[in-house]
């Protein structure tokens, strides 16, 4: 599995689905991290949102790995049937 693309966008400081997290930390806005991953055969995109770029990046990376593990297990299950 490898990284194809990594994008970060600062979201406007309006209310979001993360209640008061940005305001409590003094940033006033959230970041959205989007990564595209591939295993050489297929590619997939995952997204993470947080007031912290590090937290959003960790969330999206964990989701990408989880997605790959799910796809691998699903393919193995189909091969056994």
PDB file of N, CA and C in Angstrom:
ATOM      1  N   UNK A   1       0.848  -1.172   0.000  1.00  0.00           N
ATOM      2  CA  UNK A   1       0.000   0.000   0.000  1.00  0.00           C
ATOM      3  C   UNK A   1       0.893   1.234   0.000  1.00  0.00           C
ATOM      4  N   UNK A   2       0.528   2.205  -0.826  1.00  0.00           N
ATOM      5  CA  UNK A   2       1.300   3.436  -0.838  1.00  0.00           C
ATOM      6  C   UNK A   2       0.409   4.650  -1.065  1.00  0.00           C
ATOM      7  N   UNK A   3       0.961   5.801  -0.746  1.00  0.00           N
ATOM      8  CA  UNK A   3       0.247   7.073  -0.834  1.00  0.00           C
ATOM      9  C   UNK A   3       0.374   7.636  -2.243  1.00  0.00           C
ATOM     10  N   UNK A   4      -0.755   8.000  -2.845  1.00  0.00           N
ATOM     11  CA  UNK A   4      -0.752   8.624  -4.164  1.00  0.00           C
ATOM     12  C   UNK A   4      -0.863  10.137  -4.037  1.00  0.00           C
ATOM     13  N   UNK A   5      -1.759  10.613  -3.159  1.00  0.00           N
ATOM     14  CA  UNK A   5      -1.995  12.051  -3.033  1.00  0.00           C
ATOM     15  C   UNK A   5      -2.375  12.392  -1.597  1.00  0.00           C
ATOM     16  N   UNK A   6      -1.975  13.587  -1.161  1.00  0.00           N
ATOM     17  CA  UNK A   6      -2.260  14.085   0.183  1.00  0.00           C
ATOM     18  C   UNK A   6      -2.661  15.544   0.045  1.00  0.00           C
ATOM     19  N   UNK A   7      -3.872  15.876   0.472  1.00  0.00           N
ATOM     20  CA  UNK A   7      -4.359  17.251   0.361  1.00  0.00           C
ATOM     21  C   UNK A   7      -4.880  17.723   1.709  1.00  0.00           C
ATOM     22  N   UNK A   8      -4.590  18.992   2.020  1.00  0.00           N
ATOM     23  CA  UNK A   8      -5.084  19.609   3.246  1.00  0.00           C
ATOM     24  C   UNK A   8      -5.819  20.874   2.865  1.00  0.00           C
ATOM     25  N   UNK A   9      -6.983  21.059   3.449  1.00  0.00           N
ATOM     26  CA  UNK A   9      -7.751  22.275   3.214  1.00  0.00           C
ATOM     27  C   UNK A   9      -8.216  22.813   4.555  1.00  0.00           C
ATOM     28  N   UNK A  10      -8.048  24.112   4.749  1.00  0.00           N
ATOM     29  CA  UNK A  10      -8.563  24.766   5.951  1.00  0.00           C
ATOM     30  C   UNK A  10     -10.015  25.115   5.685  1.00  0.00           C
ATOM     31  N   UNK A  11     -10.896  24.631   6.549  1.00  0.00           N
ATOM     32  CA  UNK A  11     -12.321  24.894   6.400  1.00  0.00           C
ATOM     33  C   UNK A  11     -12.664  26.223   7.051  1.00  0.00           C
ATOM     34  N   UNK A  12     -13.704  26.842   6.577  1.00  0.00           N
ATOM     35  CA  UNK A  12     -14.097  28.140   7.126  1.00  0.00           C
ATOM     36  C   UNK A  12     -14.431  28.002   8.609  1.00  0.00           C
ATOM     37  N   UNK A  13     -14.255  29.069   9.369  1.00  0.00           N
ATOM     38  CA  UNK A  13     -14.455  28.993  10.823  1.00  0.00           C
ATOM     39  C   UNK A  13     -15.917  28.996  11.255  1.00  0.00           C
ATOM     40  N   UNK A  14     -16.811  28.543  10.400  1.00  0.00           N
ATOM     41  CA  UNK A  14     -18.220  28.440  10.776  1.00  0.00           C
ATOM     42  C   UNK A  14     -18.430  27.174  11.577  1.00  0.00           C
ATOM     43  N   UNK A  15     -19.592  27.014  12.111  1.00  0.00           N
ATOM     44  CA  UNK A  15     -19.926  25.813  12.877  1.00  0.00           C
ATOM     45  C   UNK A  15     -19.806  24.577  11.995  1.00  0.00           C
ATOM     46  N   UNK A  16     -19.222  23.507  12.550  1.00  0.00           N
ATOM     47  CA  UNK A  16     -19.066  22.249  11.832  1.00  0.00           C
ATOM     48  C   UNK A  16     -19.606  21.123  12.691  1.00  0.00           C
ATOM     49  N   UNK A  17     -19.369  19.915  12.250  1.00  0.00           N
ATOM     50  CA  UNK A  17     -19.830  18.742  12.998  1.00  0.00           C
ATOM     51  C   UNK A  17     -18.986  18.465  14.237  1.00  0.00           C
ATOM     52  N   UNK A  18     -17.881  19.170  14.404  1.00  0.00           N
ATOM     53  CA  UNK A  18     -17.044  18.987  15.584  1.00  0.00           C
ATOM     54  C   UNK A  18     -17.371  20.131  16.532  1.00  0.00           C
ATOM     55  N   UNK A  19     -18.233  19.914  17.507  1.00  0.00           N
ATOM     56  CA  UNK A  19     -18.739  21.008  18.337  1.00  0.00           C
ATOM     57  C   UNK A  19     -17.673  21.678  19.183  1.00  0.00           C
ATOM     58  N   UNK A  20     -17.466  22.940  18.932  1.00  0.00           N
ATOM     59  CA  UNK A  20     -16.615  23.823  19.729  1.00  0.00           C
ATOM     60  C   UNK A  20     -15.163  23.380  19.871  1.00  0.00           C
ATOM     61  N   UNK A  21     -14.735  22.353  19.177  1.00  0.00           N
ATOM     62  CA  UNK A  21     -13.350  21.894  19.313  1.00  0.00           C
ATOM     63  C   UNK A  21     -12.373  22.944  18.815  1.00  0.00           C
ATOM     64  N   UNK A  22     -12.661  23.542  17.678  1.00  0.00           N
ATOM     65  CA  UNK A  22     -11.748  24.547  17.128  1.00  0.00           C
ATOM     66  C   UNK A  22     -11.724  25.791  17.999  1.00  0.00           C
ATOM     67  N   UNK A  23     -12.879  26.216  18.488  1.00  0.00           N
ATOM     68  CA  UNK A  23     -12.924  27.421  19.310  1.00  0.00           C
ATOM     69  C   UNK A  23     -12.199  27.222  20.631  1.00  0.00           C
ATOM     70  N   UNK A  24     -12.299  26.038  21.207  1.00  0.00           N
ATOM     71  CA  UNK A  24     -11.618  25.755  22.466  1.00  0.00           C
ATOM     72  C   UNK A  24     -10.107  25.785  22.302  1.00  0.00           C
ATOM     73  N   UNK A  25      -9.624  25.448  21.124  1.00  0.00           N
ATOM     74  CA  UNK A  25      -8.188  25.410  20.882  1.00  0.00           C
ATOM     75  C   UNK A  25      -7.664  26.690  20.241  1.00  0.00           C
ATOM     76  N   UNK A  26      -8.519  27.674  20.048  1.00  0.00           N
ATOM     77  CA  UNK A  26      -8.083  28.967  19.571  1.00  0.00           C
ATOM     78  C   UNK A  26      -7.876  29.093  18.078  1.00  0.00           C
ATOM     79  N   UNK A  27      -8.164  28.054  17.305  1.00  0.00           N
ATOM     80  CA  UNK A  27      -7.925  28.147  15.869  1.00  0.00           C
ATOM     81  C   UNK A  27      -9.105  28.752  15.139  1.00  0.00           C
ATOM     82  N   UNK A  28     -10.302  28.477  15.599  1.00  0.00           N
ATOM     83  CA  UNK A  28     -11.497  29.008  14.956  1.00  0.00           C
ATOM     84  C   UNK A  28     -11.871  28.305  13.670  1.00  0.00           C
ATOM     85  N   UNK A  29     -11.080  27.339  13.223  1.00  0.00           N
ATOM     86  CA  UNK A  29     -11.419  26.613  12.003  1.00  0.00           C
ATOM     87  C   UNK A  29     -10.905  25.180  12.102  1.00  0.00           C
ATOM     88  N   UNK A  30     -11.388  24.360  11.215  1.00  0.00           N
ATOM     89  CA  UNK A  30     -10.989  22.963  11.145  1.00  0.00           C
ATOM     90  C   UNK A  30     -10.210  22.731   9.865  1.00  0.00           C
ATOM     91  N   UNK A  31      -9.524  21.611   9.807  1.00  0.00           N
ATOM     92  CA  UNK A  31      -8.839  21.218   8.582  1.00  0.00           C
ATOM     93  C   UNK A  31      -9.424  19.904   8.092  1.00  0.00           C
ATOM     94  N   UNK A  32      -9.418  19.761   6.783  1.00  0.00           N
ATOM     95  CA  UNK A  32      -9.846  18.513   6.153  1.00  0.00           C
ATOM     96  C   UNK A  32      -8.633  17.936   5.439  1.00  0.00           C
ATOM     97  N   UNK A  33      -8.332  16.688   5.722  1.00  0.00           N
ATOM     98  CA  UNK A  33      -7.221  16.001   5.074  1.00  0.00           C
ATOM     99  C   UNK A  33      -7.805  14.898   4.209  1.00  0.00           C
ATOM    100  N   UNK A  34      -7.376  14.852   2.972  1.00  0.00           N
ATOM    101  CA  UNK A  34      -7.845  13.858   2.019  1.00  0.00           C
ATOM    102  C   UNK A  34      -6.621  13.139   1.471  1.00  0.00           C
ATOM    103  N   UNK A  35      -6.620  11.817   1.532  1.00  0.00           N
ATOM    104  CA  UNK A  35      -5.523  11.074   0.923  1.00  0.00           C
ATOM    105  C   UNK A  35      -6.076  10.042  -0.046  1.00  0.00           C
ATOM    106  N   UNK A  36      -5.311   9.835  -1.095  1.00  0.00           N
ATOM    107  CA  UNK A  36      -5.613   8.776  -2.047  1.00  0.00           C
ATOM    108  C   UNK A  36      -4.517   7.734  -1.894  1.00  0.00           C
ATOM    109  N   UNK A  37      -4.915   6.498  -1.700  1.00  0.00           N
ATOM    110  CA  UNK A  37      -3.982   5.394  -1.489  1.00  0.00           C
ATOM    111  C   UNK A  37      -4.166   4.363  -2.587  1.00  0.00           C
ATOM    112  N   UNK A  38      -3.174   3.495  -2.746  1.00  0.00           N
ATOM    113  CA  UNK A  38      -3.262   2.438  -3.748  1.00  0.00           C
ATOM    114  C   UNK A  38      -2.482   1.223  -3.273  1.00  0.00           C
ATOM    115  N   UNK A  39      -2.884   0.080  -3.786  1.00  0.00           N
ATOM    116  CA  UNK A  39      -2.136  -1.147  -3.535  1.00  0.00           C
ATOM    117  C   UNK A  39      -1.502  -1.664  -4.821  1.00  0.00           C
ATOM    118  N   UNK A  40      -1.501  -0.833  -5.859  1.00  0.00           N
ATOM    119  CA  UNK A  40      -0.965  -1.227  -7.150  1.00  0.00           C
ATOM    120  C   UNK A  40      -2.017  -1.783  -8.084  1.00  0.00           C
ATOM    121  N   UNK A  41      -3.154  -2.175  -7.540  1.00  0.00           N
ATOM    122  CA  UNK A  41      -4.258  -2.698  -8.344  1.00  0.00           C
ATOM    123  C   UNK A  41      -5.442  -1.749  -8.285  1.00  0.00           C
ATOM    124  N   UNK A  42      -5.844  -1.397  -7.089  1.00  0.00           N
ATOM    125  CA  UNK A  42      -6.984  -0.497  -6.880  1.00  0.00           C
ATOM    126  C   UNK A  42      -6.514   0.734  -6.114  1.00  0.00           C
ATOM    127  N   UNK A  43      -7.304   1.792  -6.193  1.00  0.00           N
ATOM    128  CA  UNK A  43      -7.021   2.984  -5.392  1.00  0.00           C
ATOM    129  C   UNK A  43      -8.290   3.395  -4.667  1.00  0.00           C
ATOM    130  N   UNK A  44      -8.143   4.090  -3.550  1.00  0.00           N
ATOM    131  CA  UNK A  44      -9.276   4.540  -2.756  1.00  0.00           C
ATOM    132  C   UNK A  44      -8.907   5.841  -2.066  1.00  0.00           C
ATOM    133  N   UNK A  45      -9.939   6.596  -1.681  1.00  0.00           N
ATOM    134  CA  UNK A  45      -9.765   7.898  -1.051  1.00  0.00           C
ATOM    135  C   UNK A  45     -10.422   7.884   0.319  1.00  0.00           C
ATOM    136  N   UNK A  46      -9.738   8.468   1.304  1.00  0.00           N
ATOM    137  CA  UNK A  46     -10.296   8.609   2.646  1.00  0.00           C
ATOM    138  C   UNK A  46     -10.145  10.059   3.096  1.00  0.00           C
ATOM    139  N   UNK A  47     -11.020  10.466   4.023  1.00  0.00           N
ATOM    140  CA  UNK A  47     -11.072  11.858   4.472  1.00  0.00           C
ATOM    141  C   UNK A  47     -11.102  11.905   5.995  1.00  0.00           C
ATOM    142  N   UNK A  48     -10.385  12.869   6.564  1.00  0.00           N
ATOM    143  CA  UNK A  48     -10.413  13.117   7.999  1.00  0.00           C
ATOM    144  C   UNK A  48     -10.589  14.596   8.265  1.00  0.00           C
ATOM    145  N   UNK A  49     -11.346  14.937   9.293  1.00  0.00           N
ATOM    146  CA  UNK A  49     -11.593  16.337   9.655  1.00  0.00           C
ATOM    147  C   UNK A  49     -11.337  16.514  11.144  1.00  0.00           C
ATOM    148  N   UNK A  50     -10.612  17.567  11.488  1.00  0.00           N
ATOM    149  CA  UNK A  50     -10.332  17.880  12.883  1.00  0.00           C
ATOM    150  C   UNK A  50      -9.865  19.322  12.982  1.00  0.00           C
ATOM    151  N   UNK A  51      -9.762  19.831  14.200  1.00  0.00           N
ATOM    152  CA  UNK A  51      -9.179  21.151  14.417  1.00  0.00           C
ATOM    153  C   UNK A  51      -7.657  21.071  14.303  1.00  0.00           C
ATOM    154  N   UNK A  52      -7.100  19.873  14.386  1.00  0.00           N
ATOM    155  CA  UNK A  52      -5.654  19.656  14.340  1.00  0.00           C
ATOM    156  C   UNK A  52      -5.274  18.926  13.056  1.00  0.00           C
ATOM    157  N   UNK A  53      -4.316  19.459  12.321  1.00  0.00           N
ATOM    158  CA  UNK A  53      -3.874  18.806  11.086  1.00  0.00           C
ATOM    159  C   UNK A  53      -3.258  17.441  11.380  1.00  0.00           C
ATOM    160  N   UNK A  54      -2.586  17.314  12.513  1.00  0.00           N
ATOM    161  CA  UNK A  54      -1.979  16.032  12.876  1.00  0.00           C
ATOM    162  C   UNK A  54      -3.057  15.004  13.185  1.00  0.00           C
ATOM    163  N   UNK A  55      -4.062  15.402  13.948  1.00  0.00           N
ATOM    164  CA  UNK A  55      -5.154  14.486  14.283  1.00  0.00           C
ATOM    165  C   UNK A  55      -5.927  14.072  13.032  1.00  0.00           C
ATOM    166  N   UNK A  56      -6.216  15.023  12.154  1.00  0.00           N
ATOM    167  CA  UNK A  56      -6.939  14.710  10.918  1.00  0.00           C
ATOM    168  C   UNK A  56      -6.109  13.782  10.034  1.00  0.00           C
ATOM    169  N   UNK A  57      -4.799  14.013   9.972  1.00  0.00           N
ATOM    170  CA  UNK A  57      -3.917  13.171   9.160  1.00  0.00           C
ATOM    171  C   UNK A  57      -3.848  11.754   9.710  1.00  0.00           C
ATOM    172  N   UNK A  58      -3.755  11.629  11.019  1.00  0.00           N
ATOM    173  CA  UNK A  58      -3.716  10.306  11.640  1.00  0.00           C
ATOM    174  C   UNK A  58      -5.033   9.564  11.417  1.00  0.00           C
ATOM    175  N   UNK A  59      -6.143  10.276  11.555  1.00  0.00           N
ATOM    176  CA  UNK A  59      -7.463   9.677  11.339  1.00  0.00           C
ATOM    177  C   UNK A  59      -7.601   9.154   9.912  1.00  0.00           C
ATOM    178  N   UNK A  60      -7.216   9.965   8.943  1.00  0.00           N
ATOM    179  CA  UNK A  60      -7.386   9.576   7.545  1.00  0.00           C
ATOM    180  C   UNK A  60      -6.430   8.440   7.169  1.00  0.00           C
ATOM    181  N   UNK A  61      -5.240   8.433   7.729  1.00  0.00           N
ATOM    182  CA  UNK A  61      -4.301   7.354   7.466  1.00  0.00           C
ATOM    183  C   UNK A  61      -4.799   6.038   8.064  1.00  0.00           C
ATOM    184  N   UNK A  62      -5.308   6.089   9.280  1.00  0.00           N
ATOM    185  CA  UNK A  62      -5.872   4.887   9.908  1.00  0.00           C
ATOM    186  C   UNK A  62      -7.054   4.360   9.099  1.00  0.00           C
ATOM    187  N   UNK A  63      -7.886   5.263   8.605  1.00  0.00           N
ATOM    188  CA  UNK A  63      -9.023   4.843   7.782  1.00  0.00           C
ATOM    189  C   UNK A  63      -8.559   4.206   6.474  1.00  0.00           C
ATOM    190  N   UNK A  64      -7.486   4.724   5.882  1.00  0.00           N
ATOM    191  CA  UNK A  64      -6.962   4.159   4.636  1.00  0.00           C
ATOM    192  C   UNK A  64      -6.447   2.740   4.856  1.00  0.00           C
ATOM    193  N   UNK A  65      -5.729   2.525   5.957  1.00  0.00           N
ATOM    194  CA  UNK A  65      -5.219   1.189   6.271  1.00  0.00           C
ATOM    195  C   UNK A  65      -6.379   0.237   6.565  1.00  0.00           C
ATOM    196  N   UNK A  66      -7.363   0.706   7.316  1.00  0.00           N
ATOM    197  CA  UNK A  66      -8.548  -0.109   7.610  1.00  0.00           C
ATOM    198  C   UNK A  66      -9.270  -0.498   6.326  1.00  0.00           C
ATOM    199  N   UNK A  67      -9.385   0.446   5.420  1.00  0.00           N
ATOM    200  CA  UNK A  67     -10.040   0.176   4.138  1.00  0.00           C
ATOM    201  C   UNK A  67      -9.279  -0.902   3.361  1.00  0.00           C
ATOM    202  N   UNK A  68      -7.957  -0.807   3.333  1.00  0.00           N
ATOM    203  CA  UNK A  68      -7.139  -1.809   2.640  1.00  0.00           C
ATOM    204  C   UNK A  68      -7.308  -3.183   3.277  1.00  0.00           C
ATOM    205  N   UNK A  69      -7.284  -3.240   4.601  1.00  0.00           N
ATOM    206  CA  UNK A  69      -7.466  -4.519   5.284  1.00  0.00           C
ATOM    207  C   UNK A  69      -8.837  -5.112   4.987  1.00  0.00           C
ATOM    208  N   UNK A  70      -9.851  -4.275   4.961  1.00  0.00           N
ATOM    209  CA  UNK A  70     -11.201  -4.735   4.640  1.00  0.00           C
ATOM    210  C   UNK A  70     -11.255  -5.289   3.220  1.00  0.00           C
ATOM    211  N   UNK A  71     -10.672  -4.561   2.269  1.00  0.00           N
ATOM    212  CA  UNK A  71     -10.677  -5.011   0.874  1.00  0.00           C
ATOM    213  C   UNK A  71      -9.926  -6.332   0.716  1.00  0.00           C
ATOM    214  N   UNK A  72      -8.808  -6.478   1.415  1.00  0.00           N
ATOM    215  CA  UNK A  72      -8.027  -7.712   1.344  1.00  0.00           C
ATOM    216  C   UNK A  72      -8.811  -8.884   1.920  1.00  0.00           C
ATOM    217  N   UNK A  73      -9.437  -8.670   3.061  1.00  0.00           N
ATOM    218  CA  UNK A  73     -10.228  -9.732   3.687  1.00  0.00           C
ATOM    219  C   UNK A  73     -11.436 -10.093   2.827  1.00  0.00           C
ATOM    220  N   UNK A  74     -12.060  -9.102   2.246  1.00  0.00           N
ATOM    221  CA  UNK A  74     -13.217  -9.343   1.378  1.00  0.00           C
ATOM    222  C   UNK A  74     -12.804 -10.174   0.160  1.00  0.00           C
ATOM    223  N   UNK A  75     -11.666  -9.863  -0.443  1.00  0.00           N
ATOM    224  CA  UNK A  75     -11.183 -10.618  -1.601  1.00  0.00           C
ATOM    225  C   UNK A  75     -10.839 -12.050  -1.204  1.00  0.00           C
ATOM    226  N   UNK A  76     -10.240 -12.219  -0.031  1.00  0.00           N
ATOM    227  CA  UNK A  76      -9.905 -13.561   0.442  1.00  0.00           C
ATOM    228  C   UNK A  76     -11.164 -14.379   0.704  1.00  0.00           C
ATOM    229  N   UNK A  77     -12.168 -13.741   1.287  1.00  0.00           N
ATOM    230  CA  UNK A  77     -13.428 -14.430   1.569  1.00  0.00           C
ATOM    231  C   UNK A  77     -14.100 -14.871   0.270  1.00  0.00           C
ATOM    232  N   UNK A  78     -14.086 -13.996  -0.741  1.00  0.00           N
ATOM    233  CA  UNK A  78     -14.693 -14.343  -2.037  1.00  0.00           C
ATOM    234  C   UNK A  78     -13.960 -15.503  -2.700  1.00  0.00           C
ATOM    235  N   UNK A  79     -12.646 -15.551  -2.546  1.00  0.00           N
ATOM    236  CA  UNK A  79     -11.858 -16.620  -3.156  1.00  0.00           C
ATOM    237  C   UNK A  79     -12.148 -17.967  -2.502  1.00  0.00           C
ATOM    238  N   UNK A  80     -12.505 -17.966  -1.229  1.00  0.00           N
ATOM    239  CA  UNK A  80     -12.787 -19.207  -0.513  1.00  0.00           C
ATOM    240  C   UNK A  80     -14.168 -19.764  -0.821  1.00  0.00           C
ATOM    241  N   UNK A  81     -15.070 -18.938  -1.295  1.00  0.00           N
ATOM    242  CA  UNK A  81     -16.447 -19.395  -1.550  1.00  0.00           C
ATOM    243  C   UNK A  81     -16.589 -20.124  -2.853  1.00  0.00           C
TER     244      UNK A  81
END
